[in-house]
Amino acid sequence: MKKLLLGNEALAQGAIDAGLSGVYAYPGTPSTEITEYIQKSRIAKALNIHSKWSVNEKTAMESALGMSYAGKRAMVVMKHVGLNVAADVFMNMSISGINGGLVVVVADDPSMHSSQNEQDSRFYGKFAMIPTLEPSNQQEAYDITKYAFDLSEETGLPVLLRMVTRLSHSRSGVEISETQKAQNKVKLPTNSTQFSLIPAYARGLYKNLVAIQPELEKNAENSIYNKLIKGTDKSIGIIASGIAYNYLMENYEDETCPYPILKISQYPLPKKQVKYLFDTCEKILVLEEGYPFIEEMISDFLGEKRNVIGRLSLDVNRVGELNPDSIAKALNLPIEITESKPKVVANRPPELCVGCGHRDLFDAINQLKKEEQSQQVFGDIGCYALGALAPYKSINALIEMGASITMAKGAADAGIHPSIAVIGDSTFTHSGMTGLLNAVIEKTPITVIISDNSAIAMTGAQDSSATGRLISICKGIGVEEDHLKIITPLHKNMEENVDLIRNELNYQGVSVIISQRPCVQLPKEKKDKLKAIKSVSLN
């Protein structure tokens, strides 16, 4: 059966067909559609596949590991910067290993379409010493996901599956199975100490991880996803990984490239096949989406770098995405590359929706900024990050999830006043609560504004874990009730809101203001439901 699917949807269908029992994730572009596809799948519902959103990536990965511990197949999904949040458990579970198949899907975002950096997750796979897979097209995204679960159980290790934005968000016809593999039955680990990483046990487990590396390399050498194509023109040998292979082949209408090509979609790097290219070709061109990961590794095991070109040599663009044209340029193919765009497709700066509550909140903050020239506002990740841009320019710093509160605290410790943190409701439960606790313990003079729109709005208005819980969470953390306030960000309330925020800025301790107004993109039924929840939470 053939379906027209996004790369993310093909991957999700592959997981369902592989006998998945649970997917755990936190929304993040470009990975969100993977979990959403499973949530909407009638087959997944019939099979009772767990697919609820997690509070953050760390809780998602730990939950997936718990399902694997019970012998079931589990998948955890996130964007690249989310892997930083989950890195603790990620690095440790490479040592403990798995019981049921466990696949970690990370969607990287070259060119930073919706991210703070271009981080390449393949380095995490190498760091953890686990198999890493990198599909080159939508069909492979489907097939390689099914293979990933088998590989995980065969090696006893989690498997990292890396996607990138263009593959995640482009469509193609995908041949899929009409049947699903039966889910694993519950089966506890046979080794009772496997998941207890106290030093006495972890040392032995780490030795096992190191000992299995030659087997992982052999597996990659023989993988059907690593393919050596022996071309006729040996003046250049091409190493193309993941989607870069797809871009390369788009330059050849009949898909016949004259040069030898090593297509790589499974790591560790297949060293024998790389050596063949070096021994038979005059020059090596490395094409890879992301950092010069392969390019750097080649010199590690071949010693002196012999005539290698790629991102490091700047023969391929060092930053941003690849595309067929940039690869054609590296190969000196006769293709005209133009940077100019028709007016109709010119870039437009993002902006907050008309009627968005964040707009009125930033207007209030900016009104106070006229009074307090030293006012510093620390922002966070969400739609409200647009407050750093015109016309608001309200936010002075924006680094990563949860940093607003802790950076505001550090600035206040340094003597900055007023020091304001602006954080969304979902980001607050994701990674802001601990920073607030830290500030409460030290009675730091900061004002925390939780811009509560009752949704994870930036990624599609998924349900927020904070809905109906913010007041009790803040009280539980220890915020004084006299300095826990609620405002409704509307233009008609501007003067009242400015007065309230001004008063809290003058308080020499932690104050929390919940700016409460549902996302304008939410349907009416959901907004009505939220009104009932808010009513209960206030009583």
Protein backbone atom coordinates (compact mmCIF):
# COMPACT_ATOMS: atom_id res chain seq x y z
CA MET A 1 0.00 0.00 0.00
CA LYS A 2 1.37 3.44 -0.95
CA LYS A 3 0.71 6.68 0.96
CA LEU A 4 1.78 10.28 0.45
CA LEU A 5 3.56 11.08 3.72
CA LEU A 6 5.78 13.66 5.34
CA GLY A 7 9.12 12.25 6.42
CA ASN A 8 7.90 12.58 10.02
CA GLU A 9 4.68 10.72 9.21
CA ALA A 10 6.57 7.94 7.41
CA LEU A 11 8.77 7.51 10.47
CA ALA A 12 5.74 7.41 12.78
CA GLN A 13 4.01 4.82 10.60
CA GLY A 14 7.19 2.76 10.60
CA ALA A 15 7.21 2.78 14.41
CA ILE A 16 3.55 1.69 14.57
CA ASP A 17 4.21 -1.13 12.11
CA ALA A 18 7.33 -2.20 14.07
CA GLY A 19 5.30 -3.15 17.17
CA LEU A 20 5.52 0.14 19.08
CA SER A 21 3.88 0.22 22.52
CA GLY A 22 4.54 3.84 23.47
CA VAL A 23 5.83 7.14 22.11
CA TYR A 24 7.02 9.83 24.53
CA ALA A 25 7.76 13.37 23.40
CA TYR A 26 7.68 17.09 24.00
CA PRO A 27 6.61 19.23 21.00
CA GLY A 28 9.43 20.90 19.12
CA THR A 29 9.84 21.90 15.47
CA PRO A 30 10.74 19.99 13.32
CA SER A 31 9.79 16.82 15.25
CA THR A 32 6.20 17.51 16.37
CA GLU A 33 4.31 15.74 13.56
CA ILE A 34 5.77 12.34 14.51
CA THR A 35 3.87 12.15 17.78
CA GLU A 36 0.80 13.91 16.38
CA TYR A 37 0.55 11.31 13.61
CA ILE A 38 0.52 8.51 16.18
CA GLN A 39 -1.99 10.38 18.34
CA LYS A 40 -4.38 10.65 15.36
CA SER A 41 -3.79 7.15 14.00
CA ARG A 42 -6.81 4.85 14.27
CA ILE A 43 -4.47 1.86 14.20
CA ALA A 44 -2.43 3.29 17.10
CA LYS A 45 -5.61 3.86 19.11
CA ALA A 46 -6.83 0.33 18.40
CA LEU A 47 -3.46 -1.03 19.54
CA ASN A 48 -3.58 1.16 22.67
CA ILE A 49 -0.21 2.75 21.89
CA HIS A 50 0.65 5.33 24.56
CA SER A 51 1.04 8.76 22.92
CA LYS A 52 0.40 11.50 25.52
CA TRP A 53 2.74 14.50 25.54
CA SER A 54 5.39 14.54 28.27
CA VAL A 55 6.27 17.58 30.42
CA ASN A 56 9.76 17.82 28.91
CA GLU A 57 12.31 15.77 26.96
CA LYS A 58 14.01 14.35 30.04
CA THR A 59 10.77 12.97 31.47
CA ALA A 60 9.92 11.65 28.00
CA MET A 61 13.18 9.73 27.67
CA GLU A 62 13.02 8.35 31.20
CA SER A 63 9.45 7.17 30.59
CA ALA A 64 10.47 5.51 27.33
CA LEU A 65 13.32 3.78 29.16
CA GLY A 66 10.82 2.57 31.77
CA MET A 67 8.68 1.04 29.03
CA SER A 68 11.77 -0.59 27.54
CA TYR A 69 12.65 -1.91 31.02
CA ALA A 70 9.29 -3.71 30.96
CA GLY A 71 10.25 -5.35 27.66
CA LYS A 72 8.04 -3.27 25.35
CA ARG A 73 9.15 -1.31 22.30
CA ALA A 74 9.27 2.44 22.98
CA MET A 75 10.19 5.56 21.05
CA VAL A 76 11.16 9.00 22.36
CA VAL A 77 10.93 12.03 20.06
CA MET A 78 12.36 15.55 20.31
CA LYS A 79 14.13 18.31 18.41
CA HIS A 80 17.90 18.62 18.60
CA VAL A 81 18.10 21.10 21.49
CA GLY A 82 15.70 18.85 23.43
CA LEU A 83 18.42 16.20 23.47
CA ASN A 84 20.47 18.57 25.63
CA VAL A 85 17.65 18.48 28.20
CA ALA A 86 17.56 14.67 28.07
CA ALA A 87 21.34 14.16 27.83
CA ASP A 88 21.69 12.82 31.39
CA VAL A 89 19.49 9.77 30.88
CA PHE A 90 20.58 9.45 27.22
CA MET A 91 24.25 9.01 28.12
CA ASN A 92 23.51 6.69 31.03
CA MET A 93 21.11 4.39 29.20
CA SER A 94 23.80 3.69 26.63
CA ILE A 95 25.62 2.03 29.54
CA SER A 96 22.62 0.29 31.10
CA GLY A 97 21.40 -0.84 27.69
CA ILE A 98 17.75 -1.66 27.00
CA ASN A 99 15.32 -4.55 27.39
CA GLY A 100 12.59 -3.80 24.83
CA GLY A 101 13.68 -1.97 21.67
CA LEU A 102 14.23 1.75 22.30
CA VAL A 103 14.59 4.30 19.49
CA VAL A 104 15.55 7.93 20.20
CA VAL A 105 14.34 10.16 17.35
CA VAL A 106 15.96 13.59 17.15
CA ALA A 107 15.06 16.11 14.44
CA ASP A 108 17.89 18.56 13.75
CA ASP A 109 17.22 22.03 12.33
CA PRO A 110 20.02 23.16 9.97
CA SER A 111 19.64 26.85 9.06
CA MET A 112 17.84 27.41 12.39
CA HIS A 113 14.35 27.79 10.92
CA SER A 114 12.87 27.52 14.41
CA SER A 115 15.83 27.02 16.74
CA GLN A 116 18.67 28.69 18.61
CA ASN A 117 21.46 26.67 17.02
CA GLU A 118 22.38 24.19 14.24
CA GLN A 119 23.50 21.45 16.62
CA ASP A 120 24.24 18.10 14.94
CA SER A 121 22.91 15.16 16.97
CA ARG A 122 25.23 12.64 15.32
CA PHE A 123 27.89 13.79 17.79
CA TYR A 124 25.64 12.62 20.64
CA GLY A 125 25.37 9.18 19.04
CA LYS A 126 29.16 8.93 18.78
CA PHE A 127 29.55 10.31 22.31
CA ALA A 128 27.19 7.66 23.70
CA MET A 129 28.77 4.95 21.49
CA ILE A 130 25.44 3.71 20.18
CA PRO A 131 24.22 2.95 16.64
CA THR A 132 23.01 6.03 14.76
CA LEU A 133 20.74 5.99 11.72
CA GLU A 134 20.16 8.80 9.23
CA PRO A 135 17.54 8.22 6.50
CA SER A 136 18.00 9.88 3.13
CA ASN A 137 14.36 10.02 1.98
CA GLN A 138 10.78 9.37 3.15
CA GLN A 139 10.73 5.70 2.14
CA GLU A 140 13.93 5.13 4.04
CA ALA A 141 12.49 7.01 7.05
CA TYR A 142 9.74 4.37 7.15
CA ASP A 143 11.97 1.35 6.51
CA ILE A 144 14.85 2.46 8.72
CA THR A 145 12.54 3.01 11.72
CA LYS A 146 11.37 -0.60 11.58
CA TYR A 147 15.00 -1.66 11.27
CA ALA A 148 15.98 0.58 14.21
CA PHE A 149 13.82 -1.37 16.67
CA ASP A 150 15.28 -4.68 15.49
CA LEU A 151 18.80 -3.26 15.70
CA SER A 152 18.13 -1.97 19.23
CA GLU A 153 17.05 -5.39 20.47
CA GLU A 154 19.83 -7.15 18.56
CA THR A 155 22.58 -4.97 20.09
CA GLY A 156 20.89 -4.42 23.47
CA LEU A 157 21.38 -0.66 23.04
CA PRO A 158 19.19 2.37 22.38
CA VAL A 159 19.42 3.54 18.76
CA LEU A 160 19.59 7.20 17.73
CA LEU A 161 17.59 8.05 14.61
CA ARG A 162 18.44 11.49 13.19
CA MET A 163 16.05 13.50 11.01
CA VAL A 164 16.51 16.98 9.56
CA THR A 165 14.00 19.72 8.77
CA ARG A 166 13.67 19.21 5.00
CA LEU A 167 13.18 15.47 5.31
CA SER A 168 10.79 15.86 8.24
CA HIS A 169 8.61 18.40 6.43
CA SER A 170 8.58 17.24 2.79
CA ARG A 171 6.27 14.63 1.28
CA SER A 172 6.76 11.62 -0.93
CA GLY A 173 5.00 8.40 -1.82
CA VAL A 174 5.88 5.72 0.71
CA GLU A 175 5.22 2.00 0.37
CA ILE A 176 3.98 0.79 3.75
CA SER A 177 2.98 -2.55 5.20
CA GLU A 178 -0.69 -3.44 5.66
CA THR A 179 0.07 -5.32 8.87
CA GLN A 180 1.73 -4.46 12.15
CA LYS A 181 4.23 -6.51 14.10
CA ALA A 182 2.72 -7.75 17.37
CA GLN A 183 3.72 -5.72 20.41
CA ASN A 184 6.20 -7.32 22.81
CA LYS A 185 4.77 -8.92 25.90
CA VAL A 186 5.86 -7.61 29.30
CA LYS A 187 9.17 -9.21 30.17
CA LEU A 188 11.41 -7.94 32.96
CA PRO A 189 15.23 -7.83 32.56
CA THR A 190 16.97 -11.14 33.14
CA ASN A 191 19.95 -9.31 34.71
CA SER A 192 18.67 -7.87 37.98
CA THR A 193 21.53 -5.33 38.19
CA GLN A 194 21.44 -4.09 34.57
CA PHE A 195 19.53 -0.89 35.30
CA SER A 196 21.23 -0.08 38.63
CA LEU A 197 24.05 2.27 37.68
CA ILE A 198 25.90 2.36 40.96
CA PRO A 199 29.67 2.35 40.29
CA ALA A 200 30.11 -1.33 41.17
CA TYR A 201 27.70 -2.35 38.39
CA ALA A 202 28.25 0.55 35.97
CA ARG A 203 31.95 -0.22 35.54
CA GLY A 204 31.20 -3.66 34.16
CA LEU A 205 28.40 -2.38 31.97
CA TYR A 206 30.66 0.31 30.54
CA LYS A 207 33.28 -2.32 29.71
CA ASN A 208 30.57 -4.23 27.85
CA LEU A 209 29.64 -1.10 25.89
CA VAL A 210 33.27 -0.60 24.85
CA ALA A 211 33.66 -4.30 24.02
CA ILE A 212 30.66 -4.31 21.67
CA GLN A 213 32.00 -1.43 19.52
CA PRO A 214 33.75 -3.70 16.94
CA GLU A 215 30.43 -5.53 16.48
CA LEU A 216 28.63 -2.21 15.89
CA GLU A 217 31.26 -1.25 13.29
CA LYS A 218 30.88 -4.61 11.56
CA ASN A 219 27.10 -4.11 11.56
CA ALA A 220 27.52 -0.73 9.87
CA GLU A 221 29.93 -2.14 7.29
CA ASN A 222 27.33 -4.74 6.29
CA SER A 223 24.27 -2.51 6.60
CA ILE A 224 21.92 -2.29 3.60
CA TYR A 225 21.64 1.42 4.41
CA ASN A 226 25.32 2.01 3.69
CA LYS A 227 25.91 1.58 -0.03
CA LEU A 228 29.12 1.79 -2.06
CA ILE A 229 28.50 2.67 -5.71
CA LYS A 230 31.63 2.17 -7.82
CA GLY A 231 31.58 4.91 -10.46
CA THR A 232 33.82 5.21 -13.51
CA ASP A 233 35.42 8.64 -12.95
CA LYS A 234 37.88 8.27 -10.06
CA SER A 235 38.92 11.93 -10.04
CA ILE A 236 36.48 12.46 -7.17
CA GLY A 237 35.03 10.06 -4.62
CA ILE A 238 31.88 11.27 -2.87
CA ILE A 239 30.76 10.47 0.67
CA ALA A 240 27.11 11.51 1.04
CA SER A 241 25.17 10.96 4.26
CA GLY A 242 21.44 11.10 4.92
CA ILE A 243 19.48 13.66 2.92
CA ALA A 244 22.70 14.92 1.29
CA TYR A 245 22.63 11.75 -0.84
CA ASN A 246 19.14 12.71 -2.05
CA TYR A 247 20.34 16.21 -2.94
CA LEU A 248 23.31 14.76 -4.82
CA MET A 249 21.15 12.46 -6.94
CA GLU A 250 18.78 15.33 -7.83
CA ASN A 251 21.63 16.68 -9.96
CA TYR A 252 21.56 13.58 -12.16
CA GLU A 253 18.27 13.05 -14.00
CA ASP A 254 18.95 9.38 -14.70
CA GLU A 255 20.43 8.99 -11.17
CA THR A 256 23.73 7.93 -12.72
CA CYS A 257 26.58 9.83 -11.13
CA PRO A 258 29.94 9.16 -12.82
CA TYR A 259 31.87 9.33 -9.54
CA PRO A 260 32.16 6.59 -6.89
CA ILE A 261 29.71 7.29 -4.07
CA LEU A 262 29.59 6.02 -0.53
CA LYS A 263 26.05 6.58 0.76
CA ILE A 264 25.99 6.54 4.56
CA SER A 265 22.85 6.14 6.66
CA GLN A 266 24.19 4.02 9.52
CA TYR A 267 26.99 4.78 11.97
CA PRO A 268 29.64 4.00 13.27
CA LEU A 269 31.34 5.06 10.05
CA PRO A 270 32.00 2.08 7.71
CA LYS A 271 35.76 2.44 7.70
CA LYS A 272 36.56 -0.21 5.06
CA GLN A 273 34.28 1.45 2.53
CA VAL A 274 35.73 4.89 3.31
CA LYS A 275 39.24 3.46 2.85
CA TYR A 276 38.23 2.06 -0.55
CA LEU A 277 37.38 5.58 -1.73
CA PHE A 278 40.69 6.92 -0.45
CA ASP A 279 42.64 4.14 -2.13
CA THR A 280 40.91 4.51 -5.51
CA CYS A 281 40.03 8.20 -5.87
CA GLU A 282 42.20 11.30 -6.33
CA LYS A 283 40.04 13.52 -4.14
CA ILE A 284 37.18 13.02 -1.64
CA LEU A 285 34.13 15.29 -1.43
CA VAL A 286 32.14 14.94 1.80
CA LEU A 287 28.46 15.94 1.66
CA GLU A 288 26.61 15.95 4.96
CA GLU A 289 23.74 17.97 6.42
CA GLY A 290 24.90 19.64 9.61
CA TYR A 291 28.38 19.83 11.09
CA PRO A 292 31.50 18.37 9.37
CA PHE A 293 31.02 15.19 11.41
CA ILE A 294 32.24 12.64 8.85
CA GLU A 295 34.87 15.02 7.50
CA GLU A 296 36.48 15.28 10.94
CA MET A 297 36.27 11.54 11.63
CA ILE A 298 38.00 10.60 8.38
CA SER A 299 41.25 12.20 9.50
CA ASP A 300 40.92 10.46 12.87
CA PHE A 301 41.28 6.96 11.48
CA LEU A 302 43.13 7.59 8.19
CA GLY A 303 45.78 9.82 9.71
CA GLU A 304 46.98 12.54 7.37
CA LYS A 305 44.08 14.26 5.62
CA ARG A 306 44.56 13.46 1.94
CA ASN A 307 42.81 15.88 -0.39
CA VAL A 308 39.42 15.99 1.37
CA ILE A 309 37.00 18.78 0.60
CA GLY A 310 33.68 19.63 2.19
CA ARG A 311 32.37 22.00 4.82
CA LEU A 312 35.73 22.42 6.58
CA SER A 313 37.45 23.43 3.34
CA LEU A 314 34.48 25.71 2.52
CA ASP A 315 33.96 23.96 -0.82
CA VAL A 316 30.50 23.30 0.66
CA ASN A 317 28.73 25.98 2.70
CA ARG A 318 29.96 25.80 6.32
CA VAL A 319 26.66 26.92 7.87
CA GLY A 320 23.03 26.40 6.94
CA GLU A 321 21.34 23.70 4.92
CA LEU A 322 22.62 21.95 1.85
CA ASN A 323 20.50 21.78 -1.30
CA PRO A 324 20.94 20.36 -4.81
CA ASP A 325 22.36 23.68 -6.07
CA SER A 326 25.03 23.96 -3.37
CA ILE A 327 26.13 20.42 -4.16
CA ALA A 328 26.16 21.16 -7.89
CA LYS A 329 28.41 24.12 -7.16
CA ALA A 330 30.84 21.90 -5.19
CA LEU A 331 30.96 19.52 -8.18
CA ASN A 332 31.43 22.35 -10.70
CA LEU A 333 28.29 21.30 -12.54
CA PRO A 334 26.90 23.78 -15.09
CA ILE A 335 23.97 25.05 -13.07
CA GLU A 336 22.93 28.63 -12.50
CA ILE A 337 22.51 29.49 -8.85
CA THR A 338 20.63 32.67 -8.05
CA GLU A 339 20.13 34.18 -4.63
CA SER A 340 17.44 36.62 -5.76
CA LYS A 341 13.83 35.80 -4.98
CA PRO A 342 10.62 37.04 -6.57
CA LYS A 343 8.84 39.58 -4.38
CA VAL A 344 5.94 37.18 -3.79
CA VAL A 345 8.22 34.69 -1.99
CA ALA A 346 10.43 37.17 -0.16
CA ASN A 347 11.06 36.44 3.52
CA ARG A 348 8.58 37.99 5.91
CA PRO A 349 9.44 38.47 9.58
CA PRO A 350 7.31 36.38 11.96
CA GLU A 351 4.80 38.21 14.11
CA LEU A 352 2.41 37.53 16.95
CA CYS A 353 -1.15 36.71 15.90
CA VAL A 354 -3.71 39.51 15.86
CA GLY A 355 -5.48 39.35 19.21
CA CYS A 356 -2.60 37.51 20.95
CA GLY A 357 -2.39 38.20 24.70
CA HIS A 358 1.40 38.46 24.50
CA ARG A 359 0.98 41.72 22.54
CA ASP A 360 -0.82 43.48 25.40
CA LEU A 361 1.64 42.08 27.95
CA PHE A 362 4.60 43.52 26.02
CA ASP A 363 2.82 46.85 25.69
CA ALA A 364 2.54 46.97 29.50
CA ILE A 365 6.19 46.00 29.96
CA ASN A 366 7.29 48.66 27.49
CA GLN A 367 5.19 51.28 29.26
CA LEU A 368 7.17 50.53 32.43
CA LYS A 369 10.43 50.52 30.50
CA LYS A 370 9.94 54.25 29.87
CA GLU A 371 9.87 54.76 33.63
CA GLU A 372 12.70 52.34 34.52
CA GLN A 373 15.59 52.85 32.09
CA SER A 374 17.59 50.07 33.82
CA GLN A 375 14.81 47.49 33.44
CA GLN A 376 16.12 44.18 32.07
CA VAL A 377 13.74 41.54 30.69
CA PHE A 378 14.86 37.93 30.31
CA GLY A 379 12.74 35.98 27.83
CA ASP A 380 12.23 32.31 27.11
CA ILE A 381 11.30 29.89 24.33
CA GLY A 382 7.78 30.20 22.92
CA CYS A 383 5.69 32.52 20.73
CA TYR A 384 6.49 35.35 23.13
CA ALA A 385 10.15 35.12 22.06
CA LEU A 386 8.98 37.46 19.28
CA GLY A 387 9.00 40.14 21.99
CA ALA A 388 12.72 40.42 21.24
CA LEU A 389 11.89 41.79 17.77
CA ALA A 390 10.24 44.96 16.48
CA PRO A 391 7.81 46.46 17.16
CA TYR A 392 8.18 45.43 20.83
CA LYS A 393 11.90 44.93 21.48
CA SER A 394 10.90 44.19 25.07
CA ILE A 395 13.24 41.24 25.68
CA ASN A 396 16.96 41.72 26.36
CA ALA A 397 18.07 38.06 26.53
CA LEU A 398 16.77 34.78 25.10
CA ILE A 399 18.90 31.64 25.43
CA GLU A 400 17.06 28.34 26.03
CA MET A 401 14.09 26.68 27.73
CA GLY A 402 13.77 27.84 31.33
CA ALA A 403 16.69 30.30 31.29
CA SER A 404 14.52 33.38 31.83
CA ILE A 405 14.00 32.89 35.58
CA THR A 406 17.53 31.76 36.40
CA MET A 407 19.15 34.49 34.29
CA ALA A 408 16.90 37.09 35.93
CA LYS A 409 18.01 35.71 39.28
CA GLY A 410 21.71 35.92 38.37
CA ALA A 411 21.27 39.49 37.09
CA ALA A 412 19.47 40.45 40.31
CA ASP A 413 22.28 38.86 42.32
CA ALA A 414 24.65 41.12 40.39
CA GLY A 415 22.62 44.21 41.37
CA ILE A 416 20.32 44.64 38.36
CA HIS A 417 16.90 46.04 39.30
CA PRO A 418 14.24 45.66 38.06
CA SER A 419 15.03 42.14 36.83
CA ILE A 420 12.07 40.56 35.02
CA ALA A 421 11.57 37.04 33.66
CA VAL A 422 8.92 36.36 31.00
CA ILE A 423 8.13 32.69 30.54
CA GLY A 424 5.24 30.76 28.98
CA ASP A 425 3.03 28.35 30.90
CA SER A 426 4.32 25.24 29.15
CA THR A 427 7.95 26.36 29.31
CA PHE A 428 7.45 27.03 33.02
CA THR A 429 6.45 23.41 33.71
CA HIS A 430 9.08 22.20 31.22
CA SER A 431 12.06 23.76 32.96
CA GLY A 432 11.15 26.93 34.87
CA MET A 433 9.93 25.51 38.17
CA THR A 434 13.36 24.67 39.60
CA GLY A 435 14.65 28.17 38.84
CA LEU A 436 11.67 29.68 40.64
CA LEU A 437 12.33 27.43 43.66
CA ASN A 438 15.95 28.59 43.70
CA ALA A 439 14.85 32.24 43.68
CA VAL A 440 12.24 31.65 46.41
CA ILE A 441 14.79 29.96 48.67
CA GLU A 442 17.13 32.96 48.37
CA LYS A 443 14.32 35.57 48.36
CA THR A 444 15.84 37.07 45.21
CA PRO A 445 14.22 40.38 44.15
CA ILE A 446 12.88 39.34 40.73
CA THR A 447 9.50 39.57 39.05
CA VAL A 448 8.44 36.47 37.15
CA ILE A 449 5.68 36.93 34.57
CA ILE A 450 4.15 33.66 33.39
CA SER A 451 2.43 34.44 30.09
CA ASP A 452 -0.26 31.77 30.28
CA ASN A 453 -2.05 31.07 26.99
CA SER A 454 -3.02 27.53 28.04
CA ALA A 455 -1.27 25.90 25.08
CA ILE A 456 2.08 24.92 23.65
CA ALA A 457 1.19 27.48 21.02
CA MET A 458 4.40 27.78 19.00
CA THR A 459 4.28 24.15 17.84
CA GLY A 460 0.56 23.88 17.08
CA ALA A 461 -1.37 24.60 20.31
CA GLN A 462 -0.88 21.21 21.94
CA ASP A 463 -2.20 20.83 25.51
CA SER A 464 -0.06 22.52 28.15
CA SER A 465 0.83 20.55 31.30
CA ALA A 466 0.44 23.80 33.25
CA THR A 467 -3.26 24.31 32.50
CA GLY A 468 -5.21 24.76 35.75
CA ARG A 469 -2.10 24.08 37.85
CA LEU A 470 -0.01 27.26 37.83
CA ILE A 471 -1.40 28.80 41.02
CA SER A 472 -1.01 25.64 43.08
CA ILE A 473 2.47 24.99 41.66
CA CYS A 474 3.63 28.50 42.60
CA LYS A 475 2.11 28.22 46.07
CA GLY A 476 3.73 24.81 46.53
CA ILE A 477 7.12 26.20 45.54
CA GLY A 478 6.71 28.84 48.22
CA VAL A 479 5.72 32.04 46.42
CA GLU A 480 4.01 34.32 48.95
CA GLU A 481 0.28 34.63 48.26
CA ASP A 482 0.45 38.43 48.59
CA HIS A 483 2.86 38.46 45.67
CA LEU A 484 1.15 35.90 43.45
CA LYS A 485 -1.05 37.93 41.10
CA ILE A 486 -3.23 37.32 38.07
CA ILE A 487 -3.80 39.80 35.24
CA THR A 488 -5.77 39.60 32.00
CA PRO A 489 -3.68 41.11 29.18
CA LEU A 490 -6.20 43.24 27.30
CA HIS A 491 -5.83 46.81 26.08
CA LYS A 492 -8.75 47.94 28.25
CA ASN A 493 -6.85 46.66 31.33
CA MET A 494 -3.58 48.39 30.39
CA GLU A 495 -3.49 51.02 33.14
CA GLU A 496 -4.52 48.52 35.84
CA ASN A 497 -1.95 45.96 34.64
CA VAL A 498 0.87 48.51 34.50
CA ASP A 499 0.10 49.60 38.07
CA LEU A 500 0.11 46.00 39.34
CA ILE A 501 3.37 45.11 37.61
CA ARG A 502 4.98 48.34 38.85
CA ASN A 503 4.07 47.49 42.46
CA GLU A 504 5.53 43.98 42.14
CA LEU A 505 8.76 45.31 40.59
CA ASN A 506 9.29 47.31 43.78
CA TYR A 507 8.94 44.25 46.02
CA GLN A 508 12.28 43.09 47.43
CA GLY A 509 11.59 39.39 46.96
CA VAL A 510 10.09 36.97 44.46
CA SER A 511 6.82 38.01 42.90
CA VAL A 512 4.93 36.01 40.27
CA ILE A 513 2.39 37.55 37.91
CA ILE A 514 0.31 35.14 35.82
CA SER A 515 -0.78 36.92 32.64
CA GLN A 516 -3.75 34.78 31.74
CA ARG A 517 -5.45 34.70 28.34
CA PRO A 518 -6.02 31.66 26.06
CA CYS A 519 -4.22 31.41 22.73
CA VAL A 520 -6.37 32.98 19.99
CA GLN A 521 -5.80 29.89 17.83
CA LEU A 522 -7.66 27.62 20.26
CA PRO A 523 -11.16 26.54 19.16
CA LYS A 524 -14.14 27.97 21.07
CA GLU A 525 -14.97 24.63 22.74
CA LYS A 526 -11.49 24.47 24.22
CA LYS A 527 -11.63 28.08 25.40
CA ASP A 528 -14.98 27.40 27.13
CA LYS A 529 -13.47 24.36 28.82
CA LEU A 530 -10.51 26.45 29.95
CA LYS A 531 -12.80 29.04 31.53
CA ALA A 532 -14.25 26.32 33.74
CA ILE A 533 -10.76 25.11 34.71
CA LYS A 534 -9.57 28.64 35.54
CA SER A 535 -12.68 29.23 37.63
CA VAL A 536 -11.99 26.13 39.72
CA SER A 537 -8.29 26.96 40.11
CA LEU A 538 -9.05 30.43 41.48
CA ASN A 539 -11.41 29.17 44.21
